């Protein structure tokens, strides 16, 4: 006894659609797995929070197709997943991007199209893909910023105070050891490390040597002067203001 003939109309539609889209696309049909209809590895990547996501939440995805372009852009094609004709098409989220990169990015929600792959190609080209490009660009930009922030070196600030250099006690023990090895003394009451300025030549040598060691640990050293504050009991004097006639504005 032969098994049921698989419904390949979706696969045929997706294959023709792939040939009508701009660029070089391939189409892969994912059939019903004989009762194991878990296509979650694909549906989880569908970049939609509207009609397509709602349909998938209400109906099982028995089969689907994925279109992929040479640059990695992917489209998900599925039946209406209910009563109706035509197909649902949605962009798939860019792969290998951190979840944080998608924060604040509006999903390029999918579209419902007729069963005509030629008119569907126009809808995808002029409606879905432009919205995908905008959203994907934001994700890639966010990912670049996250990468730069992660790769940026740590900074250790040394602040001048009455000729001495003061550093907040680092969280890292290896950084603390570098500083103490080069003359900084821990002030436990204030939770800071202090490098005395009694011998300025020795102080300068200590700063250079500790800076080189910290640089090897991926830490930049910054020398900073404390912010000047007005003396107690004084306030900045405001300049005298000239009397300016305000013109009357009628309605």
Protein backbone atom coordinates (compact mmCIF):
# COMPACT_ATOMS: atom_id res chain seq x y z
CA UNK A 1 0.00 0.00 0.00
CA UNK A 2 1.45 3.29 -1.02
CA UNK A 3 1.55 6.23 1.35
CA UNK A 4 -0.31 9.46 0.63
CA UNK A 5 1.06 11.55 -2.20
CA UNK A 6 2.75 14.60 -0.66
CA UNK A 7 1.33 18.00 -1.49
CA UNK A 8 4.08 19.68 -3.45
CA UNK A 9 2.08 22.65 -4.73
CA UNK A 10 3.75 24.86 -2.13
CA UNK A 11 7.15 23.59 -3.20
CA UNK A 12 6.37 24.35 -6.84
CA UNK A 13 5.10 27.82 -6.00
CA UNK A 14 8.23 28.58 -3.96
CA UNK A 15 10.53 27.32 -6.73
CA UNK A 16 8.91 29.57 -9.35
CA UNK A 17 8.88 32.50 -6.91
CA UNK A 18 12.61 32.09 -6.30
CA UNK A 19 13.26 32.50 -10.01
CA UNK A 20 11.25 35.72 -10.19
CA UNK A 21 12.92 37.56 -7.31
CA UNK A 22 15.88 39.91 -7.89
CA UNK A 23 19.22 38.21 -7.32
CA UNK A 24 20.15 34.55 -7.18
CA UNK A 25 17.78 32.59 -4.94
CA UNK A 26 17.46 28.90 -4.10
CA UNK A 27 14.30 27.24 -2.85
CA UNK A 28 14.22 24.35 -0.37
CA UNK A 29 10.97 22.52 0.29
CA UNK A 30 10.48 21.08 3.79
CA UNK A 31 7.75 18.39 3.60
CA UNK A 32 5.55 16.85 6.23
CA UNK A 33 7.78 14.57 8.32
CA UNK A 34 5.21 11.81 8.66
CA UNK A 35 3.62 12.97 11.89
CA UNK A 36 6.67 14.73 13.25
CA UNK A 37 5.65 18.19 12.10
CA UNK A 38 8.12 20.10 14.20
CA UNK A 39 9.64 22.72 11.93
CA UNK A 40 10.53 24.89 14.91
CA UNK A 41 14.09 25.33 13.69
CA UNK A 42 12.58 27.30 10.81
CA UNK A 43 9.47 28.85 12.34
CA UNK A 44 11.46 30.23 15.27
CA UNK A 45 13.43 32.34 12.78
CA UNK A 46 10.34 33.85 11.15
CA UNK A 47 10.65 37.60 11.66
CA UNK A 48 7.02 38.53 12.15
CA UNK A 49 4.80 39.72 14.97
CA UNK A 50 1.63 40.09 12.94
CA UNK A 51 -0.50 37.86 10.69
CA UNK A 52 2.11 35.18 10.00
CA UNK A 53 3.04 34.78 13.66
CA UNK A 54 -0.65 34.67 14.57
CA UNK A 55 -1.33 31.95 11.99
CA UNK A 56 1.59 29.84 13.19
CA UNK A 57 0.41 30.19 16.79
CA UNK A 58 -3.02 28.82 15.86
CA UNK A 59 -2.08 26.09 13.36
CA UNK A 60 0.64 23.50 12.95
CA UNK A 61 3.12 24.09 10.15
CA UNK A 62 2.96 20.75 8.31
CA UNK A 63 5.27 21.82 5.51
CA UNK A 64 6.96 24.96 4.30
CA UNK A 65 9.63 26.27 1.97
CA UNK A 66 12.64 28.48 2.55
CA UNK A 67 14.06 30.75 -0.12
CA UNK A 68 17.65 31.89 0.34
CA UNK A 69 19.68 34.43 -1.58
CA UNK A 70 23.46 34.33 -2.00
CA UNK A 71 23.89 37.05 0.65
CA UNK A 72 22.06 35.04 3.32
CA UNK A 73 18.66 36.75 3.04
CA UNK A 74 15.95 34.17 3.73
CA UNK A 75 12.20 34.06 3.12
CA UNK A 76 9.73 31.66 4.74
CA UNK A 77 6.79 30.42 2.63
CA UNK A 78 3.83 28.56 4.13
CA UNK A 79 0.20 27.68 3.47
CA UNK A 80 -2.41 30.04 4.94
CA UNK A 81 -2.52 27.57 7.89
CA UNK A 82 -6.28 27.80 8.02
CA UNK A 83 -9.12 28.26 5.60
CA UNK A 84 -8.07 30.34 2.66
CA UNK A 85 -6.09 30.39 -0.54
CA UNK A 86 -2.68 31.65 -1.48
CA UNK A 87 0.41 31.63 0.71
CA UNK A 88 2.05 33.42 3.60
CA UNK A 89 5.53 34.84 3.07
CA UNK A 90 7.70 36.30 5.80
CA UNK A 91 11.32 37.31 6.14
CA UNK A 92 13.52 35.25 8.41
CA UNK A 93 15.73 36.95 10.96
CA UNK A 94 19.44 37.26 10.12
CA UNK A 95 21.31 34.32 11.60
CA UNK A 96 24.33 34.42 13.90
CA UNK A 97 23.38 37.79 15.41
CA UNK A 98 23.16 38.37 19.19
CA UNK A 99 19.65 38.63 20.61
CA UNK A 100 20.50 42.07 22.02
CA UNK A 101 21.01 43.36 18.46
CA UNK A 102 17.28 42.90 17.76
CA UNK A 103 16.20 45.05 20.71
CA UNK A 104 14.10 47.99 19.57
CA UNK A 105 14.04 46.87 15.92
CA UNK A 106 10.61 46.71 14.28
CA UNK A 107 9.92 43.33 12.69
CA UNK A 108 9.41 43.37 8.90
CA UNK A 109 6.05 41.61 9.18
CA UNK A 110 5.14 39.13 6.46
CA UNK A 111 2.47 39.29 3.79
CA UNK A 112 -0.33 37.13 2.38
CA UNK A 113 -0.16 36.63 -1.39
CA UNK A 114 -2.23 34.97 -4.06
CA UNK A 115 -1.16 31.62 -5.47
CA UNK A 116 0.31 33.40 -8.49
CA UNK A 117 4.12 33.41 -8.01
CA UNK A 118 4.59 36.25 -10.49
CA UNK A 119 2.36 38.75 -8.69
CA UNK A 120 3.73 37.41 -5.38
CA UNK A 121 7.25 38.24 -6.56
CA UNK A 122 6.22 41.87 -7.09
CA UNK A 123 4.71 42.06 -3.61
CA UNK A 124 7.84 40.60 -2.07
CA UNK A 125 10.18 42.82 -4.10
CA UNK A 126 8.40 46.12 -3.49
CA UNK A 127 6.82 45.56 -0.08
CA UNK A 128 8.42 42.86 2.09
CA UNK A 129 12.07 43.08 1.05
CA UNK A 130 12.41 46.89 1.50
CA UNK A 131 11.09 46.58 5.05
CA UNK A 132 13.43 43.67 5.67
CA UNK A 133 16.42 45.69 4.45
CA UNK A 134 15.64 48.51 6.88
CA UNK A 135 15.22 46.15 9.84
CA UNK A 136 18.27 44.02 8.97
CA UNK A 137 20.44 47.13 8.60
CA UNK A 138 19.44 48.21 12.11
CA UNK A 139 20.27 44.75 13.49
CA UNK A 140 23.69 44.67 11.79
CA UNK A 141 24.46 48.18 13.05
CA UNK A 142 23.44 47.23 16.59
CA UNK A 143 25.61 44.11 16.39
CA UNK A 144 28.62 46.18 15.28
CA UNK A 145 28.12 48.56 18.19
CA UNK A 146 27.88 45.63 20.60
CA UNK A 147 31.08 44.17 19.17
CA UNK A 148 32.92 47.47 19.48
CA UNK A 149 31.72 47.91 23.06
CA UNK A 150 32.80 44.38 23.95
CA UNK A 151 36.21 44.80 22.35
CA UNK A 152 36.86 48.29 23.74
CA UNK A 153 39.62 48.23 26.36
CA UNK A 154 38.82 48.85 29.99
CA UNK A 155 39.87 52.18 31.43
CA UNK A 156 41.55 52.84 34.74
CA UNK A 157 41.37 56.45 35.90
CA UNK A 158 44.12 57.96 38.04
CA UNK A 159 43.01 61.24 39.59
CA UNK A 160 45.39 63.91 40.90
CA UNK A 161 44.76 64.91 44.51
CA UNK A 162 47.22 67.25 46.26
CA UNK A 163 50.12 65.89 44.24
CA UNK A 164 49.17 62.25 44.79
CA UNK A 165 47.46 59.93 42.33
CA UNK A 166 44.29 58.23 43.54
CA UNK A 167 42.63 55.18 41.96
CA UNK A 168 39.35 53.59 43.02
CA UNK A 169 40.05 50.07 44.23
CA UNK A 170 39.72 47.83 41.16
CA UNK A 171 37.41 44.83 41.15
CA UNK A 172 40.12 42.75 39.49
CA UNK A 173 42.82 41.39 41.79
CA UNK A 174 45.43 41.30 39.01
CA UNK A 175 44.98 45.04 38.39
CA UNK A 176 45.34 45.75 42.12
CA UNK A 177 48.56 43.73 42.20
CA UNK A 178 50.00 45.71 39.29
CA UNK A 179 49.32 48.98 41.09
CA UNK A 180 50.65 47.87 44.46
CA UNK A 181 53.74 46.40 42.77
CA UNK A 182 54.46 49.90 41.46
CA UNK A 183 54.09 51.91 44.64
CA UNK A 184 50.35 52.39 45.08
CA UNK A 185 49.19 51.91 48.66
CA UNK A 186 45.72 50.71 49.59
CA UNK A 187 43.68 53.08 51.73
CA UNK A 188 41.10 50.68 53.13
CA UNK A 189 39.05 53.44 54.78
CA UNK A 190 38.37 55.13 51.43
CA UNK A 191 38.65 51.98 49.27
CA UNK A 192 41.23 53.67 47.04
CA UNK A 193 44.85 53.15 46.04
CA UNK A 194 47.19 56.11 46.49
CA UNK A 195 50.54 56.84 44.85
CA UNK A 196 52.35 59.49 46.88
CA UNK A 197 53.89 62.51 45.16
CA UNK A 198 56.74 62.97 47.66
CA UNK A 199 59.23 61.89 44.99
CA UNK A 200 57.86 63.12 41.66
CA UNK A 201 60.52 61.33 39.58
CA UNK A 202 59.69 58.01 41.23
CA UNK A 203 55.99 58.77 40.90
CA UNK A 204 56.33 59.37 37.14
CA UNK A 205 58.34 56.16 36.71
CA UNK A 206 55.69 54.20 38.61
CA UNK A 207 52.91 55.61 36.44
CA UNK A 208 54.75 54.68 33.23
CA UNK A 209 55.62 51.18 34.43
CA UNK A 210 52.15 50.42 35.76
CA UNK A 211 50.58 51.82 32.58
CA UNK A 212 52.65 49.44 30.45
CA UNK A 213 51.67 46.46 32.60
CA UNK A 214 47.99 47.44 32.53
CA UNK A 215 48.11 47.86 28.76
CA UNK A 216 49.23 44.24 28.49
CA UNK A 217 46.08 43.34 30.40
CA UNK A 218 43.94 45.28 27.91
CA UNK A 219 43.42 48.30 30.17
CA UNK A 220 43.96 51.93 29.19
CA UNK A 221 45.28 54.32 31.84
CA UNK A 222 43.83 57.82 32.02
CA UNK A 223 45.22 60.68 34.14
CA UNK A 224 42.55 63.10 35.24
CA UNK A 225 42.51 66.28 37.29
CA UNK A 226 39.69 66.62 39.82
CA UNK A 227 36.79 68.85 38.86
CA UNK A 228 37.06 72.29 40.38
CA UNK A 229 34.19 73.32 42.59
CA UNK A 230 33.21 76.80 43.82
CA UNK A 231 34.27 77.62 47.36
CA UNK A 232 31.74 76.96 50.08
CA UNK A 233 29.47 79.90 50.79
CA UNK A 234 29.90 81.39 47.34
CA UNK A 235 27.73 81.27 44.29
CA UNK A 236 28.41 82.31 40.73
CA UNK A 237 27.33 85.83 40.01
CA UNK A 238 24.86 86.12 37.18
CA UNK A 239 25.60 88.85 34.63
CA UNK A 240 23.21 91.79 34.64
CA UNK A 241 20.40 91.27 32.18
CA UNK A 242 19.39 94.00 29.80
CA UNK A 243 15.80 95.08 29.70
CA UNK A 244 14.30 93.86 26.45
CA UNK A 245 10.92 94.95 25.24
CA UNK A 246 8.77 91.98 24.32
CA UNK A 247 6.65 92.59 21.26
CA UNK A 248 2.95 91.88 21.65
CA UNK A 249 1.85 88.86 19.64
CA UNK A 250 -1.74 89.08 18.61
CA UNK A 251 -3.93 86.26 17.51
